[in-house]
Amino acid sequence: MKVLIVYYSTFGNVYKMAKLVAEGVNQVEGAGPVIRRVPELMP
């Protein structure tokens, strides 16, 4: 089973949290993380 982790991060803090969530997903047997970033919304 794939788990989609979608994040938006301006300064990188939320990206770090998404990576930690992905590590947790990796610990579940049969699950794998897919990390996707939302494009920048502010110029």
PDB file of N, CA and C in Angstrom:
ATOM      1  N   MET A   1       0.846  -1.155   0.000  1.00  0.00           N
ATOM      2  CA  MET A   1       0.000   0.000   0.000  1.00  0.00           C
ATOM      3  C   MET A   1       0.902   1.233   0.000  1.00  0.00           C
ATOM      4  N   LYS A   2       0.591   2.184  -0.836  1.00  0.00           N
ATOM      5  CA  LYS A   2       1.343   3.431  -0.869  1.00  0.00           C
ATOM      6  C   LYS A   2       0.587   4.500  -0.080  1.00  0.00           C
ATOM      7  N   VAL A   3       1.325   5.291   0.681  1.00  0.00           N
ATOM      8  CA  VAL A   3       0.744   6.382   1.458  1.00  0.00           C
ATOM      9  C   VAL A   3       1.264   7.682   0.866  1.00  0.00           C
ATOM     10  N   LEU A   4       0.342   8.516   0.387  1.00  0.00           N
ATOM     11  CA  LEU A   4       0.715   9.784  -0.221  1.00  0.00           C
ATOM     12  C   LEU A   4       0.861  10.846   0.858  1.00  0.00           C
ATOM     13  N   ILE A   5       2.018  11.483   0.886  1.00  0.00           N
ATOM     14  CA  ILE A   5       2.290  12.569   1.827  1.00  0.00           C
ATOM     15  C   ILE A   5       2.483  13.825   0.992  1.00  0.00           C
ATOM     16  N   VAL A   6       1.519  14.728   1.080  1.00  0.00           N
ATOM     17  CA  VAL A   6       1.551  15.970   0.314  1.00  0.00           C
ATOM     18  C   VAL A   6       1.876  17.100   1.283  1.00  0.00           C
ATOM     19  N   TYR A   7       2.836  17.939   0.892  1.00  0.00           N
ATOM     20  CA  TYR A   7       3.212  19.021   1.794  1.00  0.00           C
ATOM     21  C   TYR A   7       3.467  20.308   1.023  1.00  0.00           C
ATOM     22  N   TYR A   8       3.338  21.407   1.725  1.00  0.00           N
ATOM     23  CA  TYR A   8       3.682  22.737   1.221  1.00  0.00           C
ATOM     24  C   TYR A   8       4.608  23.353   2.256  1.00  0.00           C
ATOM     25  N   SER A   9       5.782  23.735   1.851  1.00  0.00           N
ATOM     26  CA  SER A   9       6.755  24.247   2.804  1.00  0.00           C
ATOM     27  C   SER A   9       7.508  25.423   2.206  1.00  0.00           C
ATOM     28  N   THR A  10       7.393  26.566   2.847  1.00  0.00           N
ATOM     29  CA  THR A  10       8.102  27.756   2.385  1.00  0.00           C
ATOM     30  C   THR A  10       9.529  27.776   2.920  1.00  0.00           C
ATOM     31  N   PHE A  11       9.691  27.416   4.176  1.00  0.00           N
ATOM     32  CA  PHE A  11      11.000  27.516   4.819  1.00  0.00           C
ATOM     33  C   PHE A  11      11.669  26.171   5.081  1.00  0.00           C
ATOM     34  N   GLY A  12      11.013  25.069   4.729  1.00  0.00           N
ATOM     35  CA  GLY A  12      11.620  23.759   4.881  1.00  0.00           C
ATOM     36  C   GLY A  12      11.224  22.996   6.133  1.00  0.00           C
ATOM     37  N   ASN A  13      10.530  23.634   7.051  1.00  0.00           N
ATOM     38  CA  ASN A  13      10.162  22.946   8.290  1.00  0.00           C
ATOM     39  C   ASN A  13       9.121  21.856   8.054  1.00  0.00           C
ATOM     40  N   VAL A  14       8.147  22.139   7.219  1.00  0.00           N
ATOM     41  CA  VAL A  14       7.109  21.149   6.946  1.00  0.00           C
ATOM     42  C   VAL A  14       7.698  19.994   6.137  1.00  0.00           C
ATOM     43  N   TYR A  15       8.684  20.282   5.290  1.00  0.00           N
ATOM     44  CA  TYR A  15       9.360  19.213   4.553  1.00  0.00           C
ATOM     45  C   TYR A  15      10.037  18.245   5.510  1.00  0.00           C
ATOM     46  N   LYS A  16      10.696  18.768   6.534  1.00  0.00           N
ATOM     47  CA  LYS A  16      11.333  17.904   7.529  1.00  0.00           C
ATOM     48  C   LYS A  16      10.294  17.023   8.217  1.00  0.00           C
ATOM     49  N   MET A  17       9.133  17.604   8.521  1.00  0.00           N
ATOM     50  CA  MET A  17       8.073  16.837   9.163  1.00  0.00           C
ATOM     51  C   MET A  17       7.548  15.756   8.206  1.00  0.00           C
ATOM     52  N   ALA A  18       7.414  16.078   6.920  1.00  0.00           N
ATOM     53  CA  ALA A  18       6.953  15.090   5.941  1.00  0.00           C
ATOM     54  C   ALA A  18       7.929  13.924   5.852  1.00  0.00           C
ATOM     55  N   LYS A  19       9.232  14.211   5.919  1.00  0.00           N
ATOM     56  CA  LYS A  19      10.229  13.135   5.897  1.00  0.00           C
ATOM     57  C   LYS A  19      10.088  12.237   7.121  1.00  0.00           C
ATOM     58  N   LEU A  20       9.799  12.827   8.276  1.00  0.00           N
ATOM     59  CA  LEU A  20       9.614  12.027   9.487  1.00  0.00           C
ATOM     60  C   LEU A  20       8.367  11.158   9.385  1.00  0.00           C
ATOM     61  N   VAL A  21       7.314  11.696   8.796  1.00  0.00           N
ATOM     62  CA  VAL A  21       6.101  10.900   8.584  1.00  0.00           C
ATOM     63  C   VAL A  21       6.419   9.734   7.653  1.00  0.00           C
ATOM     64  N   ALA A  22       7.212   9.991   6.614  1.00  0.00           N
ATOM     65  CA  ALA A  22       7.599   8.932   5.681  1.00  0.00           C
ATOM     66  C   ALA A  22       8.401   7.843   6.389  1.00  0.00           C
ATOM     67  N   GLU A  23       9.260   8.223   7.316  1.00  0.00           N
ATOM     68  CA  GLU A  23      10.014   7.232   8.087  1.00  0.00           C
ATOM     69  C   GLU A  23       9.060   6.345   8.877  1.00  0.00           C
ATOM     70  N   GLY A  24       8.020   6.956   9.454  1.00  0.00           N
ATOM     71  CA  GLY A  24       7.027   6.183  10.199  1.00  0.00           C
ATOM     72  C   GLY A  24       6.266   5.223   9.295  1.00  0.00           C
ATOM     73  N   VAL A  25       5.923   5.681   8.101  1.00  0.00           N
ATOM     74  CA  VAL A  25       5.215   4.818   7.147  1.00  0.00           C
ATOM     75  C   VAL A  25       6.096   3.640   6.759  1.00  0.00           C
ATOM     76  N   ASN A  26       7.397   3.873   6.612  1.00  0.00           N
ATOM     77  CA  ASN A  26       8.318   2.787   6.258  1.00  0.00           C
ATOM     78  C   ASN A  26       8.350   1.688   7.309  1.00  0.00           C
ATOM     79  N   GLN A  27       8.007   2.005   8.530  1.00  0.00           N
ATOM     80  CA  GLN A  27       8.038   1.018   9.599  1.00  0.00           C
ATOM     81  C   GLN A  27       6.815   0.098   9.585  1.00  0.00           C
ATOM     82  N   VAL A  28       5.810   0.453   8.821  1.00  0.00           N
ATOM     83  CA  VAL A  28       4.600  -0.366   8.723  1.00  0.00           C
ATOM     84  C   VAL A  28       4.792  -1.375   7.602  1.00  0.00           C
ATOM     85  N   GLU A  29       4.619  -2.637   7.926  1.00  0.00           N
ATOM     86  CA  GLU A  29       4.817  -3.694   6.935  1.00  0.00           C
ATOM     87  C   GLU A  29       3.810  -3.565   5.796  1.00  0.00           C
ATOM     88  N   GLY A  30       4.312  -3.580   4.586  1.00  0.00           N
ATOM     89  CA  GLY A  30       3.465  -3.500   3.408  1.00  0.00           C
ATOM     90  C   GLY A  30       3.100  -2.086   2.979  1.00  0.00           C
ATOM     91  N   ALA A  31       3.638  -1.088   3.676  1.00  0.00           N
ATOM     92  CA  ALA A  31       3.322   0.300   3.331  1.00  0.00           C
ATOM     93  C   ALA A  31       4.584   1.008   2.861  1.00  0.00           C
ATOM     94  N   GLY A  32       4.396   1.928   1.938  1.00  0.00           N
ATOM     95  CA  GLY A  32       5.519   2.708   1.438  1.00  0.00           C
ATOM     96  C   GLY A  32       5.087   4.148   1.202  1.00  0.00           C
ATOM     97  N   PRO A  33       5.931   5.099   1.551  1.00  0.00           N
ATOM     98  CA  PRO A  33       5.559   6.500   1.396  1.00  0.00           C
ATOM     99  C   PRO A  33       5.831   7.031  -0.008  1.00  0.00           C
ATOM    100  N   VAL A  34       5.010   7.975  -0.423  1.00  0.00           N
ATOM    101  CA  VAL A  34       5.213   8.734  -1.648  1.00  0.00           C
ATOM    102  C   VAL A  34       5.087  10.197  -1.241  1.00  0.00           C
ATOM    103  N   ILE A  35       6.187  10.933  -1.343  1.00  0.00           N
ATOM    104  CA  ILE A  35       6.193  12.337  -0.914  1.00  0.00           C
ATOM    105  C   ILE A  35       6.062  13.235  -2.144  1.00  0.00           C
ATOM    106  N   ARG A  36       5.121  14.182  -2.079  1.00  0.00           N
ATOM    107  CA  ARG A  36       4.902  15.130  -3.165  1.00  0.00           C
ATOM    108  C   ARG A  36       4.817  16.542  -2.585  1.00  0.00           C
ATOM    109  N   ARG A  37       5.453  17.481  -3.263  1.00  0.00           N
ATOM    110  CA  ARG A  37       5.434  18.874  -2.820  1.00  0.00           C
ATOM    111  C   ARG A  37       4.432  19.658  -3.657  1.00  0.00           C
ATOM    112  N   VAL A  38       3.635  20.504  -2.994  1.00  0.00           N
ATOM    113  CA  VAL A  38       2.731  21.408  -3.689  1.00  0.00           C
ATOM    114  C   VAL A  38       3.568  22.564  -4.216  1.00  0.00           C
ATOM    115  N   PRO A  39       3.345  22.993  -5.460  1.00  0.00           N
ATOM    116  CA  PRO A  39       4.136  24.112  -6.011  1.00  0.00           C
ATOM    117  C   PRO A  39       3.967  25.389  -5.189  1.00  0.00           C
ATOM    118  N   GLU A  40       4.978  26.226  -5.220  1.00  0.00           N
ATOM    119  CA  GLU A  40       4.973  27.502  -4.502  1.00  0.00           C
ATOM    120  C   GLU A  40       3.796  28.349  -4.965  1.00  0.00           C
ATOM    121  N   LEU A  41       3.053  28.894  -4.022  1.00  0.00           N
ATOM    122  CA  LEU A  41       1.874  29.697  -4.342  1.00  0.00           C
ATOM    123  C   LEU A  41       2.152  31.190  -4.313  1.00  0.00           C
ATOM    124  N   MET A  42       3.121  31.602  -3.517  1.00  0.00           N
ATOM    125  CA  MET A  42       3.436  33.021  -3.390  1.00  0.00           C
ATOM    126  C   MET A  42       4.684  33.340  -4.219  1.00  0.00           C
ATOM    127  N   PRO A  43       4.661  34.484  -4.903  1.00  0.00           N
ATOM    128  CA  PRO A  43       5.835  34.846  -5.730  1.00  0.00           C
ATOM    129  C   PRO A  43       7.044  35.198  -4.893  1.00  0.00           C
TER     130      PRO A  43
END
